[in-house]
């Protein structure tokens, strides 16, 4: 399955999150993040910027794949100045979900 075409569909939010997480982990095994090779103590902050952007991309991908019933949550999170890592997205307002999920 292609990670860019995955959406919640008939899956529960938890199953959708897990499927997305599995596919992302498989992809990340082949696409390693760049590593800082500064000889002295690194001051460029590139590694932390890469991690932050990756977390934001993961959160956006998750949000955009959710069903329409989560439009309010999606809109709220997207309008935030800094998007939270995917495990911190506040979907616990729905009493049928056991959130947040952490791995």
N, C-alpha and C. Protein backbone atom coordinates (compact mmCIF):
# COMPACT_ATOMS: atom_id res chain seq x y z
N UNK A 1 0.84 -1.19 0.00
CA UNK A 1 0.00 0.00 0.00
C UNK A 1 0.88 1.24 0.00
N UNK A 2 0.47 2.22 -0.75
CA UNK A 2 1.20 3.48 -0.86
C UNK A 2 0.80 4.41 0.29
N UNK A 3 1.77 4.94 0.99
CA UNK A 3 1.51 5.78 2.15
C UNK A 3 0.77 7.06 1.78
N UNK A 4 0.96 7.55 0.58
CA UNK A 4 0.30 8.80 0.20
C UNK A 4 -1.18 8.61 -0.10
N UNK A 5 -1.60 7.39 -0.38
CA UNK A 5 -3.01 7.15 -0.69
C UNK A 5 -3.78 6.57 0.48
N UNK A 6 -3.13 6.31 1.60
CA UNK A 6 -3.81 5.73 2.75
C UNK A 6 -4.72 6.75 3.41
N UNK A 7 -5.96 6.36 3.64
CA UNK A 7 -6.90 7.20 4.39
C UNK A 7 -7.67 6.29 5.33
N UNK A 8 -8.40 6.87 6.25
CA UNK A 8 -9.09 6.12 7.29
C UNK A 8 -10.13 5.18 6.71
N UNK A 9 -10.97 5.67 5.82
CA UNK A 9 -12.00 4.82 5.22
C UNK A 9 -12.84 4.13 6.28
N UNK A 10 -12.92 2.81 6.21
CA UNK A 10 -13.71 2.01 7.15
C UNK A 10 -12.94 1.64 8.41
N UNK A 11 -11.67 2.03 8.48
CA UNK A 11 -10.85 1.69 9.65
C UNK A 11 -11.21 2.58 10.84
N UNK A 12 -11.03 2.05 12.04
CA UNK A 12 -11.15 2.91 13.22
C UNK A 12 -9.95 3.85 13.20
N UNK A 13 -10.01 4.91 13.97
CA UNK A 13 -8.89 5.85 14.03
C UNK A 13 -7.63 5.13 14.50
N UNK A 14 -7.79 4.24 15.47
CA UNK A 14 -6.64 3.51 16.00
C UNK A 14 -6.02 2.63 14.93
N UNK A 15 -6.83 1.87 14.20
CA UNK A 15 -6.30 1.00 13.14
C UNK A 15 -5.67 1.83 12.02
N UNK A 16 -6.28 2.95 11.67
CA UNK A 16 -5.71 3.83 10.66
C UNK A 16 -4.35 4.34 11.11
N UNK A 17 -4.26 4.79 12.35
CA UNK A 17 -2.99 5.27 12.90
C UNK A 17 -1.93 4.17 12.85
N UNK A 18 -2.29 2.97 13.23
CA UNK A 18 -1.34 1.85 13.26
C UNK A 18 -0.88 1.50 11.84
N UNK A 19 -1.82 1.44 10.88
CA UNK A 19 -1.46 1.15 9.49
C UNK A 19 -0.49 2.20 8.96
N UNK A 20 -0.79 3.46 9.21
CA UNK A 20 0.07 4.55 8.77
C UNK A 20 1.45 4.44 9.40
N UNK A 21 1.47 4.12 10.69
CA UNK A 21 2.72 3.98 11.44
C UNK A 21 3.56 2.83 10.88
N UNK A 22 2.95 1.69 10.57
CA UNK A 22 3.67 0.53 10.03
C UNK A 22 4.28 0.87 8.68
N UNK A 23 3.49 1.47 7.80
CA UNK A 23 3.99 1.81 6.46
C UNK A 23 5.13 2.83 6.56
N UNK A 24 4.96 3.81 7.45
CA UNK A 24 6.00 4.84 7.62
C UNK A 24 7.28 4.21 8.16
N UNK A 25 7.18 3.29 9.11
CA UNK A 25 8.37 2.63 9.64
C UNK A 25 9.09 1.83 8.56
N UNK A 26 8.32 1.13 7.71
CA UNK A 26 8.94 0.37 6.62
C UNK A 26 9.68 1.30 5.66
N UNK A 27 9.04 2.43 5.33
CA UNK A 27 9.68 3.40 4.44
C UNK A 27 10.94 3.98 5.08
N UNK A 28 10.86 4.31 6.37
CA UNK A 28 11.99 4.93 7.06
C UNK A 28 13.19 3.99 7.18
N UNK A 29 12.95 2.68 7.10
CA UNK A 29 14.06 1.73 7.12
C UNK A 29 14.95 1.88 5.89
N UNK A 30 14.37 2.39 4.80
CA UNK A 30 15.11 2.55 3.56
C UNK A 30 15.57 3.98 3.31
N UNK A 31 14.88 4.95 3.89
CA UNK A 31 15.23 6.35 3.70
C UNK A 31 15.76 6.92 5.02
N UNK A 32 17.03 6.76 5.23
CA UNK A 32 17.62 7.22 6.48
C UNK A 32 17.76 8.73 6.49
N UNK A 33 17.58 9.32 7.67
CA UNK A 33 17.75 10.76 7.83
C UNK A 33 19.23 11.12 7.74
N UNK A 34 19.53 12.30 7.21
CA UNK A 34 20.93 12.74 7.18
C UNK A 34 21.46 12.89 8.61
N UNK A 35 22.73 12.65 8.75
CA UNK A 35 23.38 12.75 10.05
C UNK A 35 24.41 13.88 10.00
N UNK A 36 24.41 14.68 11.03
CA UNK A 36 25.37 15.78 11.10
C UNK A 36 26.79 15.20 11.24
N UNK A 37 27.70 15.75 10.44
CA UNK A 37 29.08 15.27 10.48
C UNK A 37 30.05 16.37 10.94
N UNK A 38 29.51 17.36 11.63
CA UNK A 38 30.38 18.43 12.14
C UNK A 38 31.45 17.84 13.04
N UNK A 39 32.68 18.32 12.89
CA UNK A 39 33.78 17.80 13.69
C UNK A 39 33.70 18.29 15.14
N UNK A 40 33.32 19.52 15.32
CA UNK A 40 33.17 20.07 16.66
C UNK A 40 31.72 19.87 17.10
N UNK A 41 31.38 20.41 18.24
CA UNK A 41 30.01 20.33 18.70
C UNK A 41 29.11 21.03 17.67
N UNK A 42 28.11 20.32 17.23
CA UNK A 42 27.23 20.83 16.18
C UNK A 42 26.45 22.05 16.67
N UNK A 43 26.46 23.10 15.86
CA UNK A 43 25.71 24.31 16.20
C UNK A 43 24.72 24.68 15.10
N UNK A 44 24.63 23.85 14.06
CA UNK A 44 23.79 24.21 12.92
C UNK A 44 22.31 23.95 13.16
N UNK A 45 21.94 23.14 14.09
CA UNK A 45 20.56 22.81 14.45
C UNK A 45 19.80 22.11 13.33
N UNK A 46 20.48 21.71 12.28
CA UNK A 46 19.82 21.02 11.16
C UNK A 46 19.16 19.71 11.64
N UNK A 47 19.83 18.90 12.45
CA UNK A 47 19.17 17.65 12.88
C UNK A 47 17.83 17.89 13.59
N UNK A 48 17.77 18.89 14.44
CA UNK A 48 16.51 19.14 15.15
C UNK A 48 15.44 19.71 14.21
N UNK A 49 15.85 20.47 13.21
CA UNK A 49 14.91 21.00 12.23
C UNK A 49 14.34 19.86 11.38
N UNK A 50 15.19 18.91 10.99
CA UNK A 50 14.74 17.76 10.20
C UNK A 50 13.72 16.95 11.00
N UNK A 51 14.01 16.70 12.26
CA UNK A 51 13.09 15.93 13.11
C UNK A 51 11.76 16.65 13.25
N UNK A 52 11.79 17.94 13.48
CA UNK A 52 10.56 18.71 13.65
C UNK A 52 9.72 18.69 12.37
N UNK A 53 10.36 18.89 11.23
CA UNK A 53 9.62 18.87 9.96
C UNK A 53 9.03 17.50 9.68
N UNK A 54 9.77 16.46 10.00
CA UNK A 54 9.28 15.10 9.80
C UNK A 54 8.06 14.84 10.67
N UNK A 55 8.10 15.28 11.92
CA UNK A 55 6.96 15.12 12.83
C UNK A 55 5.75 15.90 12.32
N UNK A 56 5.96 17.10 11.83
CA UNK A 56 4.86 17.90 11.29
C UNK A 56 4.27 17.25 10.04
N UNK A 57 5.12 16.71 9.18
CA UNK A 57 4.64 16.02 7.98
C UNK A 57 3.81 14.79 8.35
N UNK A 58 4.27 14.05 9.35
CA UNK A 58 3.53 12.86 9.79
C UNK A 58 2.16 13.25 10.34
N UNK A 59 2.11 14.31 11.12
CA UNK A 59 0.84 14.77 11.69
C UNK A 59 -0.10 15.22 10.58
N UNK A 60 0.41 15.97 9.61
CA UNK A 60 -0.43 16.45 8.51
C UNK A 60 -0.96 15.29 7.68
N UNK A 61 -0.12 14.32 7.42
CA UNK A 61 -0.55 13.16 6.64
C UNK A 61 -1.65 12.41 7.37
N UNK A 62 -1.50 12.23 8.66
CA UNK A 62 -2.51 11.57 9.47
C UNK A 62 -3.82 12.34 9.44
N UNK A 63 -3.75 13.64 9.67
CA UNK A 63 -4.95 14.47 9.71
C UNK A 63 -5.69 14.48 8.37
N UNK A 64 -4.97 14.58 7.29
CA UNK A 64 -5.61 14.64 5.98
C UNK A 64 -6.25 13.32 5.58
N UNK A 65 -5.83 12.22 6.19
CA UNK A 65 -6.41 10.92 5.88
C UNK A 65 -7.63 10.59 6.71
N UNK A 66 -7.91 11.40 7.75
CA UNK A 66 -9.07 11.13 8.61
C UNK A 66 -10.38 11.36 7.85
N UNK A 67 -11.41 10.66 8.27
CA UNK A 67 -12.74 10.84 7.68
C UNK A 67 -13.28 12.23 8.01
N UNK A 68 -14.31 12.62 7.27
CA UNK A 68 -14.90 13.96 7.39
C UNK A 68 -15.44 14.26 8.79
N UNK A 69 -15.80 13.26 9.55
CA UNK A 69 -16.34 13.51 10.89
C UNK A 69 -15.31 14.18 11.81
N UNK A 70 -14.05 14.18 11.40
CA UNK A 70 -13.00 14.80 12.20
C UNK A 70 -12.55 16.15 11.63
N UNK A 71 -13.39 16.76 10.79
CA UNK A 71 -13.05 18.05 10.19
C UNK A 71 -12.73 19.12 11.23
N UNK A 72 -13.50 19.18 12.32
CA UNK A 72 -13.25 20.20 13.35
C UNK A 72 -11.88 20.03 13.98
N UNK A 73 -11.53 18.81 14.31
CA UNK A 73 -10.23 18.55 14.93
C UNK A 73 -9.12 18.88 13.93
N UNK A 74 -9.29 18.41 12.69
CA UNK A 74 -8.29 18.65 11.66
C UNK A 74 -8.07 20.15 11.47
N UNK A 75 -9.15 20.90 11.35
CA UNK A 75 -9.05 22.35 11.15
C UNK A 75 -8.34 23.02 12.33
N UNK A 76 -8.70 22.62 13.53
CA UNK A 76 -8.10 23.22 14.73
C UNK A 76 -6.59 22.97 14.76
N UNK A 77 -6.19 21.74 14.50
CA UNK A 77 -4.76 21.40 14.56
C UNK A 77 -3.99 22.09 13.44
N UNK A 78 -4.55 22.12 12.24
CA UNK A 78 -3.86 22.75 11.10
C UNK A 78 -3.67 24.24 11.33
N UNK A 79 -4.61 24.88 12.02
CA UNK A 79 -4.50 26.31 12.27
C UNK A 79 -3.52 26.66 13.39
N UNK A 80 -3.06 25.66 14.11
CA UNK A 80 -2.09 25.91 15.18
C UNK A 80 -0.80 26.43 14.58
N UNK A 81 -0.12 27.29 15.30
CA UNK A 81 1.14 27.85 14.81
C UNK A 81 2.19 26.76 14.61
N UNK A 82 2.30 25.87 15.58
CA UNK A 82 3.23 24.75 15.50
C UNK A 82 2.42 23.48 15.64
N UNK A 83 2.49 22.63 14.65
CA UNK A 83 1.72 21.39 14.69
C UNK A 83 2.40 20.43 15.65
N UNK A 84 1.59 19.83 16.50
CA UNK A 84 2.10 18.88 17.48
C UNK A 84 2.56 17.60 16.80
N UNK A 85 3.48 16.88 17.45
CA UNK A 85 3.82 15.56 16.93
C UNK A 85 2.54 14.71 16.87
N UNK A 86 2.53 13.74 16.01
CA UNK A 86 1.32 12.96 15.76
C UNK A 86 0.74 12.33 17.02
N UNK A 87 1.57 11.96 17.97
CA UNK A 87 1.07 11.32 19.18
C UNK A 87 0.43 12.30 20.15
N UNK A 88 0.49 13.59 19.87
CA UNK A 88 -0.08 14.59 20.76
C UNK A 88 -1.34 15.25 20.19
N UNK A 89 -1.79 14.82 19.02
CA UNK A 89 -2.96 15.43 18.39
C UNK A 89 -4.18 15.15 19.26
N UNK A 90 -4.92 16.19 19.62
CA UNK A 90 -5.99 16.05 20.61
C UNK A 90 -7.31 15.50 20.04
N UNK A 91 -7.38 14.18 19.90
CA UNK A 91 -8.62 13.57 19.45
C UNK A 91 -9.37 12.93 20.62
N UNK A 92 -8.91 13.14 21.83
CA UNK A 92 -9.54 12.48 22.96
C UNK A 92 -10.91 13.08 23.30
N UNK A 93 -11.33 14.11 22.58
CA UNK A 93 -12.66 14.68 22.81
C UNK A 93 -13.75 13.68 22.47
N UNK A 94 -13.46 12.71 21.60
CA UNK A 94 -14.41 11.68 21.24
C UNK A 94 -14.32 10.57 22.28
N UNK A 95 -15.37 10.35 23.03
CA UNK A 95 -15.34 9.40 24.14
C UNK A 95 -15.19 7.97 23.68
N UNK A 96 -15.39 7.70 22.38
CA UNK A 96 -15.24 6.35 21.87
C UNK A 96 -13.79 6.01 21.57
N UNK A 97 -12.90 7.00 21.67
CA UNK A 97 -11.49 6.75 21.36
C UNK A 97 -10.69 6.78 22.63
N UNK A 98 -9.64 6.01 22.63
CA UNK A 98 -8.72 5.98 23.76
C UNK A 98 -7.46 6.71 23.33
N UNK A 99 -7.42 8.04 23.46
CA UNK A 99 -6.33 8.84 22.97
C UNK A 99 -5.63 9.53 24.11
N UNK A 100 -4.44 10.00 23.98
CA UNK A 100 -3.59 9.88 22.81
C UNK A 100 -2.92 8.51 22.75
N UNK A 101 -2.62 8.07 21.54
CA UNK A 101 -1.88 6.83 21.33
C UNK A 101 -0.40 7.18 21.32
N UNK A 102 0.39 6.39 22.00
CA UNK A 102 1.84 6.61 21.95
C UNK A 102 2.52 5.29 21.63
N UNK A 103 3.61 5.36 20.91
CA UNK A 103 4.38 4.18 20.55
C UNK A 103 5.81 4.39 20.95
